Amino acid sequence: MLLNKIHHIAIISSDYEKSKRFFVDILGFEILKETYRETRKSYKLDLALNGDYLIELFSFPEPPKRLSRPEAQGLRHLAFEVDDIEAVGEKLLEKGVVIEAIRTDASNGKKFTFLQDPDGLPLEIYEK
């Protein structure tokens, strides 16, 4: 079996509108399609970054909480590549997003930092 690439990442939000604003207005994702599924009382929002379909954002009535930190088993974080981490960090701070201090990866000298989506999902920005 040969894999080509990651097709998408699915995220279930506790507050759909708040998460939608975060991914679209703050991080700059483009809405490809928004669907309300009456039988599931659920939204599905298809999001793209630079033209690439990347995230499915879902809402469900009363989704259970998932442990996130410290270092819970399972998906650890999502990482996004950026050209200039300081410039992106400044823009995020201007929009009210809390980011950790920028660090340097000891293995390759690249800069990175972490932030959280509205539900506490750890997101990393990593300099190209």
N, C-alpha and C. Protein backbone atom coordinates (compact mmCIF):
# COMPACT_ATOMS: atom_id res chain seq x y z
N MET A 1 0.85 -1.18 0.00
CA MET A 1 0.00 0.00 0.00
C MET A 1 0.89 1.24 0.00
N LEU A 2 0.64 2.14 -0.92
CA LEU A 2 1.40 3.39 -0.98
C LEU A 2 0.47 4.56 -0.68
N LEU A 3 0.92 5.41 0.21
CA LEU A 3 0.14 6.60 0.55
C LEU A 3 0.68 7.79 -0.22
N ASN A 4 -0.21 8.63 -0.68
CA ASN A 4 0.21 9.82 -1.41
C ASN A 4 0.46 11.01 -0.51
N LYS A 5 -0.46 11.29 0.40
CA LYS A 5 -0.36 12.44 1.29
C LYS A 5 -1.47 12.36 2.32
N ILE A 6 -1.45 13.25 3.29
CA ILE A 6 -2.57 13.36 4.22
C ILE A 6 -3.71 14.03 3.47
N HIS A 7 -4.89 13.42 3.49
CA HIS A 7 -6.03 13.96 2.78
C HIS A 7 -6.71 15.08 3.56
N HIS A 8 -6.99 14.83 4.85
CA HIS A 8 -7.60 15.85 5.69
C HIS A 8 -7.43 15.48 7.16
N ILE A 9 -7.69 16.44 7.99
CA ILE A 9 -7.67 16.27 9.44
C ILE A 9 -9.07 16.64 9.94
N ALA A 10 -9.68 15.79 10.74
CA ALA A 10 -11.03 16.04 11.26
C ALA A 10 -10.93 16.55 12.70
N ILE A 11 -11.64 17.64 12.96
CA ILE A 11 -11.65 18.24 14.29
C ILE A 11 -13.10 18.42 14.72
N ILE A 12 -13.44 17.96 15.92
CA ILE A 12 -14.78 18.16 16.49
C ILE A 12 -14.68 19.29 17.50
N SER A 13 -15.46 20.34 17.29
CA SER A 13 -15.40 21.51 18.16
C SER A 13 -16.52 21.50 19.19
N SER A 14 -16.27 22.17 20.30
CA SER A 14 -17.33 22.30 21.31
C SER A 14 -18.21 23.50 21.01
N ASP A 15 -17.65 24.51 20.34
CA ASP A 15 -18.39 25.71 19.95
C ASP A 15 -18.08 25.96 18.48
N TYR A 16 -18.97 25.50 17.62
CA TYR A 16 -18.73 25.51 16.17
C TYR A 16 -18.42 26.91 15.64
N GLU A 17 -19.22 27.90 16.00
CA GLU A 17 -19.01 29.26 15.47
C GLU A 17 -17.68 29.84 15.94
N LYS A 18 -17.33 29.59 17.18
CA LYS A 18 -16.06 30.10 17.71
C LYS A 18 -14.88 29.44 16.98
N SER A 19 -14.95 28.14 16.77
CA SER A 19 -13.87 27.44 16.06
C SER A 19 -13.82 27.84 14.60
N LYS A 20 -14.97 28.03 14.00
CA LYS A 20 -15.03 28.48 12.60
C LYS A 20 -14.33 29.83 12.46
N ARG A 21 -14.64 30.78 13.34
CA ARG A 21 -13.98 32.09 13.30
C ARG A 21 -12.48 31.96 13.50
N PHE A 22 -12.05 31.09 14.41
CA PHE A 22 -10.63 30.90 14.68
C PHE A 22 -9.90 30.42 13.43
N PHE A 23 -10.39 29.35 12.81
CA PHE A 23 -9.70 28.79 11.66
C PHE A 23 -9.79 29.68 10.42
N VAL A 24 -10.91 30.38 10.24
CA VAL A 24 -11.10 31.21 9.05
C VAL A 24 -10.53 32.61 9.26
N ASP A 25 -10.99 33.31 10.30
CA ASP A 25 -10.62 34.72 10.48
C ASP A 25 -9.23 34.92 11.07
N ILE A 26 -8.78 34.00 11.91
CA ILE A 26 -7.48 34.18 12.55
C ILE A 26 -6.38 33.44 11.79
N LEU A 27 -6.60 32.15 11.49
CA LEU A 27 -5.55 31.39 10.81
C LEU A 27 -5.59 31.51 9.29
N GLY A 28 -6.68 31.98 8.73
CA GLY A 28 -6.74 32.24 7.30
C GLY A 28 -7.15 31.09 6.41
N PHE A 29 -7.85 30.11 6.95
CA PHE A 29 -8.36 29.02 6.12
C PHE A 29 -9.50 29.52 5.24
N GLU A 30 -9.67 28.90 4.10
CA GLU A 30 -10.75 29.23 3.16
C GLU A 30 -11.87 28.20 3.31
N ILE A 31 -13.11 28.67 3.34
CA ILE A 31 -14.25 27.76 3.40
C ILE A 31 -14.52 27.21 2.01
N LEU A 32 -14.47 25.90 1.88
CA LEU A 32 -14.81 25.25 0.62
C LEU A 32 -16.29 24.89 0.57
N LYS A 33 -16.79 24.37 1.69
CA LYS A 33 -18.20 23.96 1.75
C LYS A 33 -18.63 23.85 3.20
N GLU A 34 -19.85 24.29 3.48
CA GLU A 34 -20.42 24.16 4.82
C GLU A 34 -21.74 23.42 4.68
N THR A 35 -21.88 22.33 5.44
CA THR A 35 -23.07 21.49 5.34
C THR A 35 -23.67 21.27 6.72
N TYR A 36 -24.98 21.50 6.83
CA TYR A 36 -25.68 21.14 8.07
C TYR A 36 -26.36 19.80 7.84
N ARG A 37 -26.08 18.85 8.71
CA ARG A 37 -26.64 17.50 8.59
C ARG A 37 -27.74 17.34 9.63
N GLU A 38 -28.97 17.54 9.20
CA GLU A 38 -30.12 17.56 10.10
C GLU A 38 -30.23 16.29 10.93
N THR A 39 -30.02 15.13 10.33
CA THR A 39 -30.18 13.87 11.05
C THR A 39 -29.19 13.73 12.20
N ARG A 40 -28.04 14.40 12.11
CA ARG A 40 -27.03 14.32 13.17
C ARG A 40 -26.96 15.59 14.01
N LYS A 41 -27.78 16.59 13.65
CA LYS A 41 -27.75 17.90 14.32
C LYS A 41 -26.30 18.40 14.36
N SER A 42 -25.65 18.35 13.18
CA SER A 42 -24.22 18.56 13.11
C SER A 42 -23.83 19.35 11.86
N TYR A 43 -22.86 20.25 12.02
CA TYR A 43 -22.26 20.92 10.88
C TYR A 43 -20.99 20.19 10.47
N LYS A 44 -20.68 20.28 9.17
CA LYS A 44 -19.39 19.82 8.63
C LYS A 44 -18.88 20.96 7.76
N LEU A 45 -17.72 21.47 8.11
CA LEU A 45 -17.12 22.60 7.39
C LEU A 45 -15.82 22.13 6.76
N ASP A 46 -15.75 22.20 5.43
CA ASP A 46 -14.54 21.82 4.71
C ASP A 46 -13.68 23.06 4.53
N LEU A 47 -12.43 22.98 4.99
CA LEU A 47 -11.52 24.12 4.98
C LEU A 47 -10.26 23.82 4.17
N ALA A 48 -9.78 24.84 3.47
CA ALA A 48 -8.56 24.70 2.67
C ALA A 48 -7.54 25.75 3.12
N LEU A 49 -6.28 25.44 2.92
CA LEU A 49 -5.19 26.36 3.18
C LEU A 49 -4.35 26.42 1.91
N ASN A 50 -4.24 27.63 1.34
CA ASN A 50 -3.51 27.82 0.09
C ASN A 50 -4.01 26.88 -1.01
N GLY A 51 -5.33 26.69 -1.05
CA GLY A 51 -5.95 25.87 -2.08
C GLY A 51 -5.99 24.38 -1.81
N ASP A 52 -5.34 23.93 -0.76
CA ASP A 52 -5.32 22.50 -0.42
C ASP A 52 -6.35 22.19 0.65
N TYR A 53 -7.28 21.27 0.33
CA TYR A 53 -8.26 20.80 1.31
C TYR A 53 -7.49 20.21 2.47
N LEU A 54 -7.79 20.64 3.70
CA LEU A 54 -6.97 20.22 4.82
C LEU A 54 -7.76 19.81 6.06
N ILE A 55 -8.79 20.57 6.41
CA ILE A 55 -9.48 20.32 7.68
C ILE A 55 -10.98 20.16 7.46
N GLU A 56 -11.55 19.15 8.16
CA GLU A 56 -12.99 19.02 8.30
C GLU A 56 -13.31 19.43 9.73
N LEU A 57 -14.06 20.50 9.90
CA LEU A 57 -14.46 20.97 11.22
C LEU A 57 -15.89 20.55 11.46
N PHE A 58 -16.12 19.81 12.53
CA PHE A 58 -17.45 19.28 12.86
C PHE A 58 -18.00 19.90 14.14
N SER A 59 -19.32 19.92 14.21
CA SER A 59 -20.01 20.19 15.47
C SER A 59 -20.89 18.99 15.76
N PHE A 60 -20.98 18.60 16.99
CA PHE A 60 -21.91 17.56 17.42
C PHE A 60 -22.51 18.00 18.74
N PRO A 61 -23.76 17.63 19.02
CA PRO A 61 -24.34 17.98 20.31
C PRO A 61 -23.57 17.31 21.45
N GLU A 62 -23.08 18.09 22.37
CA GLU A 62 -22.41 17.61 23.59
C GLU A 62 -21.31 16.58 23.34
N PRO A 63 -20.29 16.94 22.58
CA PRO A 63 -19.19 15.98 22.38
C PRO A 63 -18.41 15.78 23.68
N PRO A 64 -17.95 14.56 23.94
CA PRO A 64 -17.18 14.33 25.17
C PRO A 64 -15.83 15.03 25.10
N LYS A 65 -15.30 15.41 26.25
CA LYS A 65 -13.99 16.04 26.34
C LYS A 65 -12.90 15.02 26.05
N ARG A 66 -11.77 15.49 25.50
CA ARG A 66 -10.61 14.65 25.24
C ARG A 66 -9.43 15.24 26.02
N LEU A 67 -8.68 14.38 26.66
CA LEU A 67 -7.49 14.85 27.34
C LEU A 67 -6.50 15.39 26.31
N SER A 68 -5.82 16.46 26.65
CA SER A 68 -4.87 17.04 25.72
C SER A 68 -3.48 17.15 26.32
N ARG A 69 -3.40 17.61 27.52
CA ARG A 69 -2.10 17.81 28.14
C ARG A 69 -2.13 17.24 29.54
N PRO A 70 -1.08 16.84 30.15
CA PRO A 70 0.26 16.84 29.57
C PRO A 70 0.51 15.57 28.78
N GLU A 71 0.93 15.72 27.57
CA GLU A 71 1.39 14.63 26.71
C GLU A 71 0.48 13.40 26.75
N ALA A 72 -0.81 13.63 26.49
CA ALA A 72 -1.77 12.52 26.46
C ALA A 72 -1.50 11.61 25.26
N GLN A 73 -1.87 10.37 25.38
CA GLN A 73 -1.70 9.40 24.29
C GLN A 73 -2.60 9.78 23.12
N GLY A 74 -2.15 9.53 21.92
CA GLY A 74 -2.94 9.82 20.73
C GLY A 74 -2.33 10.97 19.94
N LEU A 75 -3.14 11.64 19.13
CA LEU A 75 -2.66 12.75 18.32
C LEU A 75 -2.06 13.81 19.23
N ARG A 76 -0.82 14.17 18.98
CA ARG A 76 -0.13 15.11 19.86
C ARG A 76 -0.43 16.55 19.49
N HIS A 77 -0.29 16.90 18.22
CA HIS A 77 -0.59 18.25 17.77
C HIS A 77 -0.61 18.29 16.24
N LEU A 78 -1.13 19.40 15.70
CA LEU A 78 -1.08 19.68 14.27
C LEU A 78 -0.04 20.77 14.09
N ALA A 79 0.78 20.65 13.07
CA ALA A 79 1.83 21.65 12.82
C ALA A 79 1.62 22.27 11.44
N PHE A 80 1.79 23.59 11.38
CA PHE A 80 1.67 24.34 10.13
C PHE A 80 2.99 25.03 9.84
N GLU A 81 3.42 24.95 8.59
CA GLU A 81 4.67 25.60 8.17
C GLU A 81 4.42 27.07 7.89
N VAL A 82 5.38 27.91 8.30
CA VAL A 82 5.32 29.35 8.02
C VAL A 82 6.69 29.80 7.51
N ASP A 83 6.70 30.92 6.79
CA ASP A 83 7.96 31.46 6.29
C ASP A 83 8.70 32.26 7.36
N ASP A 84 7.95 33.06 8.14
CA ASP A 84 8.56 33.96 9.12
C ASP A 84 7.79 33.82 10.44
N ILE A 85 8.35 33.07 11.36
CA ILE A 85 7.63 32.77 12.60
C ILE A 85 7.39 34.01 13.46
N GLU A 86 8.35 34.94 13.46
CA GLU A 86 8.15 36.15 14.26
C GLU A 86 6.98 36.97 13.72
N ALA A 87 6.89 37.13 12.40
CA ALA A 87 5.79 37.89 11.80
C ALA A 87 4.45 37.21 12.06
N VAL A 88 4.38 35.90 11.92
CA VAL A 88 3.14 35.17 12.19
C VAL A 88 2.78 35.28 13.66
N GLY A 89 3.77 35.14 14.54
CA GLY A 89 3.53 35.27 15.97
C GLY A 89 2.95 36.63 16.32
N GLU A 90 3.50 37.70 15.73
CA GLU A 90 2.99 39.05 15.98
C GLU A 90 1.54 39.18 15.52
N LYS A 91 1.22 38.64 14.33
CA LYS A 91 -0.16 38.72 13.82
C LYS A 91 -1.12 37.96 14.72
N LEU A 92 -0.70 36.80 15.21
CA LEU A 92 -1.56 36.04 16.11
C LEU A 92 -1.80 36.80 17.41
N LEU A 93 -0.74 37.37 17.96
CA LEU A 93 -0.88 38.15 19.20
C LEU A 93 -1.81 39.35 19.00
N GLU A 94 -1.71 40.02 17.83
CA GLU A 94 -2.59 41.15 17.53
C GLU A 94 -4.05 40.72 17.48
N LYS A 95 -4.31 39.46 17.13
CA LYS A 95 -5.68 38.95 17.05
C LYS A 95 -6.12 38.31 18.36
N GLY A 96 -5.30 38.45 19.41
CA GLY A 96 -5.67 37.95 20.73
C GLY A 96 -5.36 36.49 20.99
N VAL A 97 -4.56 35.87 20.12
CA VAL A 97 -4.20 34.47 20.30
C VAL A 97 -2.95 34.39 21.18
N VAL A 98 -3.02 33.59 22.22
CA VAL A 98 -1.87 33.39 23.11
C VAL A 98 -0.95 32.36 22.47
N ILE A 99 0.33 32.71 22.35
CA ILE A 99 1.32 31.77 21.84
C ILE A 99 2.42 31.59 22.88
N GLU A 100 3.04 30.43 22.83
CA GLU A 100 4.18 30.18 23.71
C GLU A 100 5.39 30.92 23.17
N ALA A 101 6.44 31.01 23.98
CA ALA A 101 7.69 31.62 23.52
C ALA A 101 8.23 30.83 22.33
N ILE A 102 8.80 31.53 21.38
CA ILE A 102 9.39 30.88 20.22
C ILE A 102 10.65 30.16 20.67
N ARG A 103 10.75 28.89 20.25
CA ARG A 103 11.90 28.06 20.61
C ARG A 103 12.64 27.64 19.35
N THR A 104 13.81 27.04 19.54
CA THR A 104 14.59 26.52 18.43
C THR A 104 14.73 25.01 18.59
N ASP A 105 14.42 24.28 17.52
CA ASP A 105 14.55 22.82 17.50
C ASP A 105 16.04 22.49 17.50
N ALA A 106 16.49 21.84 18.57
CA ALA A 106 17.91 21.52 18.72
C ALA A 106 18.42 20.58 17.62
N SER A 107 17.52 19.81 17.03
CA SER A 107 17.96 18.84 16.03
C SER A 107 18.25 19.46 14.66
N ASN A 108 17.62 20.62 14.36
CA ASN A 108 17.82 21.21 13.03
C ASN A 108 17.93 22.73 13.00
N GLY A 109 17.83 23.37 14.16
CA GLY A 109 17.97 24.82 14.23
C GLY A 109 16.75 25.62 13.77
N LYS A 110 15.63 24.95 13.48
CA LYS A 110 14.42 25.64 13.02
C LYS A 110 13.63 26.17 14.21
N LYS A 111 12.96 27.32 14.01
CA LYS A 111 12.16 27.95 15.06
C LYS A 111 10.73 27.41 15.03
N PHE A 112 10.13 27.32 16.23
CA PHE A 112 8.74 26.85 16.34
C PHE A 112 8.12 27.39 17.60
N THR A 113 6.79 27.33 17.64
CA THR A 113 6.05 27.69 18.84
C THR A 113 4.69 26.99 18.81
N PHE A 114 3.98 27.07 19.90
CA PHE A 114 2.67 26.43 20.02
C PHE A 114 1.60 27.44 20.40
N LEU A 115 0.38 27.14 19.98
CA LEU A 115 -0.82 27.86 20.37
C LEU A 115 -1.92 26.83 20.51
N GLN A 116 -3.11 27.27 20.86
CA GLN A 116 -4.23 26.33 21.00
C GLN A 116 -5.43 26.85 20.24
N ASP A 117 -6.23 25.91 19.71
CA ASP A 117 -7.50 26.31 19.10
C ASP A 117 -8.48 26.58 20.24
N PRO A 118 -9.71 27.02 19.94
CA PRO A 118 -10.65 27.34 21.02
C PRO A 118 -10.96 26.19 21.98
N ASP A 119 -10.73 24.94 21.57
CA ASP A 119 -10.98 23.80 22.45
C ASP A 119 -9.71 23.28 23.11
N GLY A 120 -8.60 23.99 22.96
CA GLY A 120 -7.36 23.57 23.59
C GLY A 120 -6.54 22.59 22.77
N LEU A 121 -6.94 22.34 21.51
CA LEU A 121 -6.15 21.46 20.65
C LEU A 121 -4.80 22.13 20.39
N PRO A 122 -3.70 21.46 20.69
CA PRO A 122 -2.39 22.07 20.46
C PRO A 122 -2.07 22.18 18.97
N LEU A 123 -1.71 23.39 18.57
CA LEU A 123 -1.30 23.67 17.20
C LEU A 123 0.13 24.22 17.24
N GLU A 124 0.93 23.79 16.30
CA GLU A 124 2.32 24.25 16.24
C GLU A 124 2.50 25.05 14.96
N ILE A 125 3.27 26.13 15.05
CA ILE A 125 3.73 26.79 13.83
C ILE A 125 5.23 26.60 13.79
N TYR A 126 5.71 26.23 12.61
CA TYR A 126 7.09 25.78 12.45
C TYR A 126 7.69 26.50 11.25
N GLU A 127 8.81 27.17 11.48
CA GLU A 127 9.41 27.97 10.41
C GLU A 127 10.08 27.10 9.35
N LYS A 128 9.85 27.48 8.11
CA LYS A 128 10.37 26.76 6.94
C LYS A 128 11.90 26.76 6.92
